[in-house]
Structure formats: C-alpha cells, structure tokens
Amino acid sequence: MLGLGIASLLLALATCLLAIGVIWRRRIARRWVFVLEVVCLVGSLLLLVLPIGANHGPVALMTNVAIPIGVIVLLRGQRQAFSS
C-alpha cells in the first residue's frame, strides 16, 4: 500500500507540473498532457467494454470519458496560442 500511495502522489505531482507547463504555454507540456489524456481515455473505454465490474454510472462516464474528451478538444483548439 505504501508503494501505491507514493505512485499516486507522484502521478498527482506530475499532473500539477504539466498543468503549470500548459499555463506557461510550454509546447512539451501540452504534448504530454495530450498523451496523458489519450491514455486515460483509452483505459476508460477499455473499462467500459470489458466485463470486470467497473462502475458504468453517469458520474463515472463524466469523469472517465467526458472530461478527457473535453481536455483533448481544448488542447487541439489552441494551436494558434502556442505558435507565438
């Protein structure tokens, strides 16, 4: 459990640093956030398809599918802002 807790804290730290990088308009941070959201979306869709007892309620759909899609759409729509 200690290892899982440390891994969760490191992932949260990386996510916060990537968010700061996107706010500061760093291209590499934007790319990593895009990759992270695609990986999260693929994992969530696998959880929806595979019959392993995952939650399929509206909150799980909003959190695991709608939010990553929204982030991907927002990141793809701001190419002009990052080209300066």
PDB file of N, CA and C in Angstrom:
ATOM      1  N   MET A   1       0.820  -1.199   0.000  1.00  0.00           N
ATOM      2  CA  MET A   1       0.000   0.000   0.000  1.00  0.00           C
ATOM      3  C   MET A   1       0.863   1.262   0.000  1.00  0.00           C
ATOM      4  N   LEU A   2       2.016   1.198   0.612  1.00  0.00           N
ATOM      5  CA  LEU A   2       2.893   2.360   0.631  1.00  0.00           C
ATOM      6  C   LEU A   2       3.356   2.707  -0.778  1.00  0.00           C
ATOM      7  N   GLY A   3       3.699   1.691  -1.557  1.00  0.00           N
ATOM      8  CA  GLY A   3       4.132   1.919  -2.938  1.00  0.00           C
ATOM      9  C   GLY A   3       3.027   2.513  -3.788  1.00  0.00           C
ATOM     10  N   LEU A   4       1.800   2.032  -3.597  1.00  0.00           N
ATOM     11  CA  LEU A   4       0.669   2.559  -4.344  1.00  0.00           C
ATOM     12  C   LEU A   4       0.392   4.012  -3.963  1.00  0.00           C
ATOM     13  N   GLY A   5       0.531   4.332  -2.697  1.00  0.00           N
ATOM     14  CA  GLY A   5       0.340   5.709  -2.250  1.00  0.00           C
ATOM     15  C   GLY A   5       1.400   6.642  -2.823  1.00  0.00           C
ATOM     16  N   ILE A   6       2.649   6.195  -2.834  1.00  0.00           N
ATOM     17  CA  ILE A   6       3.728   7.014  -3.393  1.00  0.00           C
ATOM     18  C   ILE A   6       3.535   7.197  -4.892  1.00  0.00           C
ATOM     19  N   ALA A   7       3.124   6.120  -5.589  1.00  0.00           N
ATOM     20  CA  ALA A   7       2.879   6.230  -7.032  1.00  0.00           C
ATOM     21  C   ALA A   7       1.752   7.217  -7.318  1.00  0.00           C
ATOM     22  N   SER A   8       0.708   7.211  -6.506  1.00  0.00           N
ATOM     23  CA  SER A   8      -0.397   8.151  -6.686  1.00  0.00           C
ATOM     24  C   SER A   8       0.049   9.591  -6.454  1.00  0.00           C
ATOM     25  N   LEU A   9       0.857   9.796  -5.430  1.00  0.00           N
ATOM     26  CA  LEU A   9       1.355  11.152  -5.161  1.00  0.00           C
ATOM     27  C   LEU A   9       2.271  11.640  -6.284  1.00  0.00           C
ATOM     28  N   LEU A  10       3.105  10.766  -6.827  1.00  0.00           N
ATOM     29  CA  LEU A  10       3.983  11.156  -7.930  1.00  0.00           C
ATOM     30  C   LEU A  10       3.190  11.476  -9.195  1.00  0.00           C
ATOM     31  N   LEU A  11       2.138  10.706  -9.451  1.00  0.00           N
ATOM     32  CA  LEU A  11       1.286  10.995 -10.607  1.00  0.00           C
ATOM     33  C   LEU A  11       0.567  12.330 -10.430  1.00  0.00           C
ATOM     34  N   ALA A  12       0.099  12.612  -9.227  1.00  0.00           N
ATOM     35  CA  ALA A  12      -0.554  13.894  -8.959  1.00  0.00           C
ATOM     36  C   ALA A  12       0.439  15.049  -9.110  1.00  0.00           C
ATOM     37  N   LEU A  13       1.676  14.867  -8.657  1.00  0.00           N
ATOM     38  CA  LEU A  13       2.695  15.896  -8.813  1.00  0.00           C
ATOM     39  C   LEU A  13       3.004  16.143 -10.287  1.00  0.00           C
ATOM     40  N   ALA A  14       3.137  15.072 -11.059  1.00  0.00           N
ATOM     41  CA  ALA A  14       3.405  15.217 -12.495  1.00  0.00           C
ATOM     42  C   ALA A  14       2.251  15.926 -13.196  1.00  0.00           C
ATOM     43  N   THR A  15       1.027  15.608 -12.819  1.00  0.00           N
ATOM     44  CA  THR A  15      -0.135  16.259 -13.417  1.00  0.00           C
ATOM     45  C   THR A  15      -0.151  17.749 -13.094  1.00  0.00           C
ATOM     46  N   CYS A  16       0.167  18.111 -11.857  1.00  0.00           N
ATOM     47  CA  CYS A  16       0.218  19.531 -11.487  1.00  0.00           C
ATOM     48  C   CYS A  16       1.321  20.263 -12.243  1.00  0.00           C
ATOM     49  N   LEU A  17       2.482  19.633 -12.388  1.00  0.00           N
ATOM     50  CA  LEU A  17       3.574  20.269 -13.126  1.00  0.00           C
ATOM     51  C   LEU A  17       3.225  20.426 -14.599  1.00  0.00           C
ATOM     52  N   LEU A  18       2.541  19.448 -15.171  1.00  0.00           N
ATOM     53  CA  LEU A  18       2.102  19.571 -16.560  1.00  0.00           C
ATOM     54  C   LEU A  18       1.076  20.689 -16.714  1.00  0.00           C
ATOM     55  N   ALA A  19       0.173  20.814 -15.748  1.00  0.00           N
ATOM     56  CA  ALA A  19      -0.815  21.899 -15.809  1.00  0.00           C
ATOM     57  C   ALA A  19      -0.134  23.266 -15.740  1.00  0.00           C
ATOM     58  N   ILE A  20       0.871  23.388 -14.898  1.00  0.00           N
ATOM     59  CA  ILE A  20       1.626  24.639 -14.829  1.00  0.00           C
ATOM     60  C   ILE A  20       2.327  24.901 -16.159  1.00  0.00           C
ATOM     61  N   GLY A  21       2.886  23.847 -16.758  1.00  0.00           N
ATOM     62  CA  GLY A  21       3.536  23.994 -18.055  1.00  0.00           C
ATOM     63  C   GLY A  21       2.582  24.432 -19.148  1.00  0.00           C
ATOM     64  N   VAL A  22       1.347  23.919 -19.117  1.00  0.00           N
ATOM     65  CA  VAL A  22       0.349  24.340 -20.113  1.00  0.00           C
ATOM     66  C   VAL A  22      -0.036  25.801 -19.891  1.00  0.00           C
ATOM     67  N   ILE A  23      -0.176  26.206 -18.641  1.00  0.00           N
ATOM     68  CA  ILE A  23      -0.496  27.603 -18.350  1.00  0.00           C
ATOM     69  C   ILE A  23       0.624  28.520 -18.825  1.00  0.00           C
ATOM     70  N   TRP A  24       1.876  28.078 -18.681  1.00  0.00           N
ATOM     71  CA  TRP A  24       3.025  28.870 -19.125  1.00  0.00           C
ATOM     72  C   TRP A  24       3.309  28.682 -20.617  1.00  0.00           C
ATOM     73  N   ARG A  25       2.411  27.991 -21.328  1.00  0.00           N
ATOM     74  CA  ARG A  25       2.480  27.795 -22.775  1.00  0.00           C
ATOM     75  C   ARG A  25       3.725  27.049 -23.239  1.00  0.00           C
ATOM     76  N   ARG A  26       4.098  26.019 -22.514  1.00  0.00           N
ATOM     77  CA  ARG A  26       5.207  25.159 -22.917  1.00  0.00           C
ATOM     78  C   ARG A  26       4.674  24.085 -23.862  1.00  0.00           C
ATOM     79  N   ARG A  27       5.272  23.988 -25.039  1.00  0.00           N
ATOM     80  CA  ARG A  27       4.795  23.025 -26.041  1.00  0.00           C
ATOM     81  C   ARG A  27       4.948  21.595 -25.567  1.00  0.00           C
ATOM     82  N   ILE A  28       6.044  21.283 -24.911  1.00  0.00           N
ATOM     83  CA  ILE A  28       6.285  19.916 -24.481  1.00  0.00           C
ATOM     84  C   ILE A  28       5.260  19.496 -23.418  1.00  0.00           C
ATOM     85  N   ALA A  29       4.873  20.418 -22.551  1.00  0.00           N
ATOM     86  CA  ALA A  29       3.853  20.110 -21.541  1.00  0.00           C
ATOM     87  C   ALA A  29       2.512  19.853 -22.214  1.00  0.00           C
ATOM     88  N   ARG A  30       2.197  20.651 -23.224  1.00  0.00           N
ATOM     89  CA  ARG A  30       0.942  20.456 -23.958  1.00  0.00           C
ATOM     90  C   ARG A  30       0.908  19.084 -24.617  1.00  0.00           C
ATOM     91  N   ARG A  31       2.028  18.667 -25.201  1.00  0.00           N
ATOM     92  CA  ARG A  31       2.086  17.339 -25.834  1.00  0.00           C
ATOM     93  C   ARG A  31       1.916  16.235 -24.808  1.00  0.00           C
ATOM     94  N   TRP A  32       2.599  16.360 -23.651  1.00  0.00           N
ATOM     95  CA  TRP A  32       2.496  15.323 -22.626  1.00  0.00           C
ATOM     96  C   TRP A  32       1.086  15.246 -22.042  1.00  0.00           C
ATOM     97  N   VAL A  33       0.438  16.387 -21.871  1.00  0.00           N
ATOM     98  CA  VAL A  33      -0.949  16.383 -21.375  1.00  0.00           C
ATOM     99  C   VAL A  33      -1.859  15.710 -22.391  1.00  0.00           C
ATOM    100  N   PHE A  34      -1.643  15.995 -23.669  1.00  0.00           N
ATOM    101  CA  PHE A  34      -2.434  15.362 -24.723  1.00  0.00           C
ATOM    102  C   PHE A  34      -2.261  13.844 -24.682  1.00  0.00           C
ATOM    103  N   VAL A  35      -1.018  13.382 -24.562  1.00  0.00           N
ATOM    104  CA  VAL A  35      -0.746  11.936 -24.487  1.00  0.00           C
ATOM    105  C   VAL A  35      -1.386  11.336 -23.242  1.00  0.00           C
ATOM    106  N   LEU A  36      -1.255  12.016 -22.105  1.00  0.00           N
ATOM    107  CA  LEU A  36      -1.838  11.524 -20.860  1.00  0.00           C
ATOM    108  C   LEU A  36      -3.352  11.392 -20.962  1.00  0.00           C
ATOM    109  N   GLU A  37      -4.008  12.369 -21.559  1.00  0.00           N
ATOM    110  CA  GLU A  37      -5.463  12.314 -21.693  1.00  0.00           C
ATOM    111  C   GLU A  37      -5.899  11.215 -22.664  1.00  0.00           C
ATOM    112  N   VAL A  38      -5.145  11.001 -23.727  1.00  0.00           N
ATOM    113  CA  VAL A  38      -5.481   9.906 -24.653  1.00  0.00           C
ATOM    114  C   VAL A  38      -5.326   8.562 -23.959  1.00  0.00           C
ATOM    115  N   VAL A  39      -4.266   8.398 -23.172  1.00  0.00           N
ATOM    116  CA  VAL A  39      -4.075   7.147 -22.431  1.00  0.00           C
ATOM    117  C   VAL A  39      -5.210   6.938 -21.426  1.00  0.00           C
ATOM    118  N   CYS A  40      -5.589   7.990 -20.720  1.00  0.00           N
ATOM    119  CA  CYS A  40      -6.705   7.890 -19.766  1.00  0.00           C
ATOM    120  C   CYS A  40      -8.008   7.540 -20.475  1.00  0.00           C
ATOM    121  N   LEU A  41      -8.240   8.140 -21.626  1.00  0.00           N
ATOM    122  CA  LEU A  41      -9.461   7.866 -22.382  1.00  0.00           C
ATOM    123  C   LEU A  41      -9.492   6.422 -22.878  1.00  0.00           C
ATOM    124  N   VAL A  42      -8.377   5.934 -23.390  1.00  0.00           N
ATOM    125  CA  VAL A  42      -8.311   4.540 -23.861  1.00  0.00           C
ATOM    126  C   VAL A  42      -8.526   3.574 -22.701  1.00  0.00           C
ATOM    127  N   GLY A  43      -7.898   3.846 -21.567  1.00  0.00           N
ATOM    128  CA  GLY A  43      -8.104   2.998 -20.390  1.00  0.00           C
ATOM    129  C   GLY A  43      -9.542   3.003 -19.916  1.00  0.00           C
ATOM    130  N   SER A  44     -10.170   4.154 -19.926  1.00  0.00           N
ATOM    131  CA  SER A  44     -11.570   4.252 -19.502  1.00  0.00           C
ATOM    132  C   SER A  44     -12.494   3.518 -20.463  1.00  0.00           C
ATOM    133  N   LEU A  45     -12.229   3.633 -21.757  1.00  0.00           N
ATOM    134  CA  LEU A  45     -13.054   2.915 -22.728  1.00  0.00           C
ATOM    135  C   LEU A  45     -12.872   1.408 -22.595  1.00  0.00           C
ATOM    136  N   LEU A  46     -11.659   0.965 -22.284  1.00  0.00           N
ATOM    137  CA  LEU A  46     -11.450  -0.465 -22.027  1.00  0.00           C
ATOM    138  C   LEU A  46     -12.234  -0.933 -20.803  1.00  0.00           C
ATOM    139  N   LEU A  47     -12.266  -0.101 -19.765  1.00  0.00           N
ATOM    140  CA  LEU A  47     -13.046  -0.448 -18.577  1.00  0.00           C
ATOM    141  C   LEU A  47     -14.537  -0.539 -18.888  1.00  0.00           C
ATOM    142  N   LEU A  48     -15.009   0.298 -19.795  1.00  0.00           N
ATOM    143  CA  LEU A  48     -16.422   0.251 -20.167  1.00  0.00           C
ATOM    144  C   LEU A  48     -16.744  -0.994 -20.995  1.00  0.00           C
ATOM    145  N   VAL A  49     -15.798  -1.434 -21.830  1.00  0.00           N
ATOM    146  CA  VAL A  49     -16.048  -2.558 -22.731  1.00  0.00           C
ATOM    147  C   VAL A  49     -15.870  -3.894 -22.025  1.00  0.00           C
ATOM    148  N   LEU A  50     -14.828  -4.020 -21.211  1.00  0.00           N
ATOM    149  CA  LEU A  50     -14.532  -5.292 -20.558  1.00  0.00           C
ATOM    150  C   LEU A  50     -15.481  -5.527 -19.381  1.00  0.00           C
ATOM    151  N   PRO A  51     -15.992  -6.732 -19.237  1.00  0.00           N
ATOM    152  CA  PRO A  51     -16.918  -7.034 -18.132  1.00  0.00           C
ATOM    153  C   PRO A  51     -16.169  -7.381 -16.842  1.00  0.00           C
ATOM    154  N   ILE A  52     -15.546  -6.393 -16.214  1.00  0.00           N
ATOM    155  CA  ILE A  52     -14.783  -6.678 -14.992  1.00  0.00           C
ATOM    156  C   ILE A  52     -15.392  -6.026 -13.752  1.00  0.00           C
ATOM    157  N   GLY A  53     -16.597  -5.534 -13.862  1.00  0.00           N
ATOM    158  CA  GLY A  53     -17.281  -4.974 -12.706  1.00  0.00           C
ATOM    159  C   GLY A  53     -16.991  -3.498 -12.472  1.00  0.00           C
ATOM    160  N   ALA A  54     -16.537  -2.785 -13.479  1.00  0.00           N
ATOM    161  CA  ALA A  54     -16.285  -1.353 -13.322  1.00  0.00           C
ATOM    162  C   ALA A  54     -17.605  -0.593 -13.243  1.00  0.00           C
ATOM    163  N   ASN A  55     -17.582   0.569 -12.636  1.00  0.00           N
ATOM    164  CA  ASN A  55     -18.763   1.404 -12.491  1.00  0.00           C
ATOM    165  C   ASN A  55     -19.126   2.020 -13.836  1.00  0.00           C
ATOM    166  N   HIS A  56     -20.390   1.917 -14.234  1.00  0.00           N
ATOM    167  CA  HIS A  56     -20.853   2.452 -15.508  1.00  0.00           C
ATOM    168  C   HIS A  56     -21.898   3.557 -15.322  1.00  0.00           C
ATOM    169  N   GLY A  57     -21.915   4.178 -14.167  1.00  0.00           N
ATOM    170  CA  GLY A  57     -22.901   5.216 -13.896  1.00  0.00           C
ATOM    171  C   GLY A  57     -22.552   6.538 -14.562  1.00  0.00           C
ATOM    172  N   PRO A  58     -23.449   7.519 -14.431  1.00  0.00           N
ATOM    173  CA  PRO A  58     -23.225   8.815 -15.091  1.00  0.00           C
ATOM    174  C   PRO A  58     -22.017   9.576 -14.547  1.00  0.00           C
ATOM    175  N   VAL A  59     -21.733   9.444 -13.273  1.00  0.00           N
ATOM    176  CA  VAL A  59     -20.565  10.135 -12.718  1.00  0.00           C
ATOM    177  C   VAL A  59     -19.286   9.532 -13.273  1.00  0.00           C
ATOM    178  N   ALA A  60     -19.225   8.215 -13.382  1.00  0.00           N
ATOM    179  CA  ALA A  60     -18.048   7.558 -13.945  1.00  0.00           C
ATOM    180  C   ALA A  60     -17.874   7.923 -15.416  1.00  0.00           C
ATOM    181  N   LEU A  61     -18.963   8.012 -16.147  1.00  0.00           N
ATOM    182  CA  LEU A  61     -18.865   8.394 -17.558  1.00  0.00           C
ATOM    183  C   LEU A  61     -18.373   9.834 -17.715  1.00  0.00           C
ATOM    184  N   MET A  62     -18.880  10.739 -16.875  1.00  0.00           N
ATOM    185  CA  MET A  62     -18.435  12.135 -16.944  1.00  0.00           C
ATOM    186  C   MET A  62     -16.959  12.258 -16.569  1.00  0.00           C
ATOM    187  N   THR A  63     -16.561  11.581 -15.503  1.00  0.00           N
ATOM    188  CA  THR A  63     -15.190  11.687 -15.019  1.00  0.00           C
ATOM    189  C   THR A  63     -14.197  10.997 -15.938  1.00  0.00           C
ATOM    190  N   ASN A  64     -14.538   9.806 -16.409  1.00  0.00           N
ATOM    191  CA  ASN A  64     -13.579   8.988 -17.141  1.00  0.00           C
ATOM    192  C   ASN A  64     -13.623   9.164 -18.647  1.00  0.00           C
ATOM    193  N   VAL A  65     -14.721   9.687 -19.196  1.00  0.00           N
ATOM    194  CA  VAL A  65     -14.831   9.811 -20.651  1.00  0.00           C
ATOM    195  C   VAL A  65     -15.012  11.266 -21.071  1.00  0.00           C
ATOM    196  N   ALA A  66     -15.967  11.963 -20.492  1.00  0.00           N
ATOM    197  CA  ALA A  66     -16.291  13.312 -20.963  1.00  0.00           C
ATOM    198  C   ALA A  66     -15.185  14.321 -20.652  1.00  0.00           C
ATOM    199  N   ILE A  67     -14.599  14.255 -19.470  1.00  0.00           N
ATOM    200  CA  ILE A  67     -13.549  15.215 -19.118  1.00  0.00           C
ATOM    201  C   ILE A  67     -12.296  15.029 -19.979  1.00  0.00           C
ATOM    202  N   PRO A  68     -11.782  13.786 -20.178  1.00  0.00           N
ATOM    203  CA  PRO A  68     -10.634  13.660 -21.089  1.00  0.00           C
ATOM    204  C   PRO A  68     -10.938  14.109 -22.515  1.00  0.00           C
ATOM    205  N   ILE A  69     -12.143  13.840 -23.008  1.00  0.00           N
ATOM    206  CA  ILE A  69     -12.505  14.302 -24.356  1.00  0.00           C
ATOM    207  C   ILE A  69     -12.516  15.827 -24.389  1.00  0.00           C
ATOM    208  N   GLY A  70     -13.051  16.449 -23.362  1.00  0.00           N
ATOM    209  CA  GLY A  70     -13.065  17.914 -23.302  1.00  0.00           C
ATOM    210  C   GLY A  70     -11.664  18.505 -23.273  1.00  0.00           C
ATOM    211  N   VAL A  71     -10.763  17.908 -22.510  1.00  0.00           N
ATOM    212  CA  VAL A  71      -9.384  18.400 -22.452  1.00  0.00           C
ATOM    213  C   VAL A  71      -8.698  18.231 -23.802  1.00  0.00           C
ATOM    214  N   ILE A  72      -8.921  17.093 -24.456  1.00  0.00           N
ATOM    215  CA  ILE A  72      -8.322  16.852 -25.771  1.00  0.00           C
ATOM    216  C   ILE A  72      -8.827  17.885 -26.778  1.00  0.00           C
ATOM    217  N   VAL A  73     -10.116  18.148 -26.765  1.00  0.00           N
ATOM    218  CA  VAL A  73     -10.684  19.142 -27.695  1.00  0.00           C
ATOM    219  C   VAL A  73     -10.114  20.530 -27.409  1.00  0.00           C
ATOM    220  N   LEU A  74     -10.010  20.906 -26.146  1.00  0.00           N
ATOM    221  CA  LEU A  74      -9.469  22.220 -25.807  1.00  0.00           C
ATOM    222  C   LEU A  74      -7.994  22.344 -26.174  1.00  0.00           C
ATOM    223  N   LEU A  75      -7.227  21.290 -25.979  1.00  0.00           N
ATOM    224  CA  LEU A  75      -5.807  21.349 -26.335  1.00  0.00           C
ATOM    225  C   LEU A  75      -5.601  21.403 -27.840  1.00  0.00           C
ATOM    226  N   ARG A  76      -6.444  20.734 -28.594  1.00  0.00           N
ATOM    227  CA  ARG A  76      -6.305  20.758 -30.044  1.00  0.00           C
ATOM    228  C   ARG A  76      -6.751  22.092 -30.623  1.00  0.00           C
ATOM    229  N   GLY A  77      -7.644  22.804 -29.943  1.00  0.00           N
ATOM    230  CA  GLY A  77      -8.182  24.051 -30.463  1.00  0.00           C
ATOM    231  C   GLY A  77      -7.303  25.262 -30.212  1.00  0.00           C
ATOM    232  N   GLN A  78      -6.218  25.124 -29.463  1.00  0.00           N
ATOM    233  CA  GLN A  78      -5.406  26.277 -29.101  1.00  0.00           C
ATOM    234  C   GLN A  78      -4.044  26.259 -29.781  1.00  0.00           C
ATOM    235  N   ARG A  79      -3.932  25.774 -30.976  1.00  0.00           N
ATOM    236  CA  ARG A  79      -2.647  25.717 -31.651  1.00  0.00           C
ATOM    237  C   ARG A  79      -2.107  27.106 -31.961  1.00  0.00           C
ATOM    238  N   GLN A  80      -2.984  28.055 -32.280  1.00  0.00           N
ATOM    239  CA  GLN A  80      -2.526  29.400 -32.589  1.00  0.00           C
ATOM    240  C   GLN A  80      -1.919  30.070 -31.367  1.00  0.00           C
ATOM    241  N   ALA A  81      -2.450  29.790 -30.208  1.00  0.00           N
ATOM    242  CA  ALA A  81      -1.930  30.404 -28.988  1.00  0.00           C
ATOM    243  C   ALA A  81      -0.522  29.895 -28.659  1.00  0.00           C
ATOM    244  N   PHE A  82      -0.195  28.671 -29.076  1.00  0.00           N
ATOM    245  CA  PHE A  82       1.100  28.111 -28.778  1.00  0.00           C
ATOM    246  C   PHE A  82       2.122  28.375 -29.874  1.00  0.00           C
ATOM    247  N   SER A  83       1.728  28.953 -30.988  1.00  0.00           N
ATOM    248  CA  SER A  83       2.657  29.156 -32.092  1.00  0.00           C
ATOM    249  C   SER A  83       3.454  30.442 -31.963  1.00  0.00           C
ATOM    250  N   SER A  84       3.144  31.280 -31.018  1.00  0.00           N
ATOM    251  CA  SER A  84       3.861  32.557 -30.889  1.00  0.00           C
ATOM    252  C   SER A  84       5.186  32.391 -30.185  1.00  0.00           C
TER     253      SER A  84
END
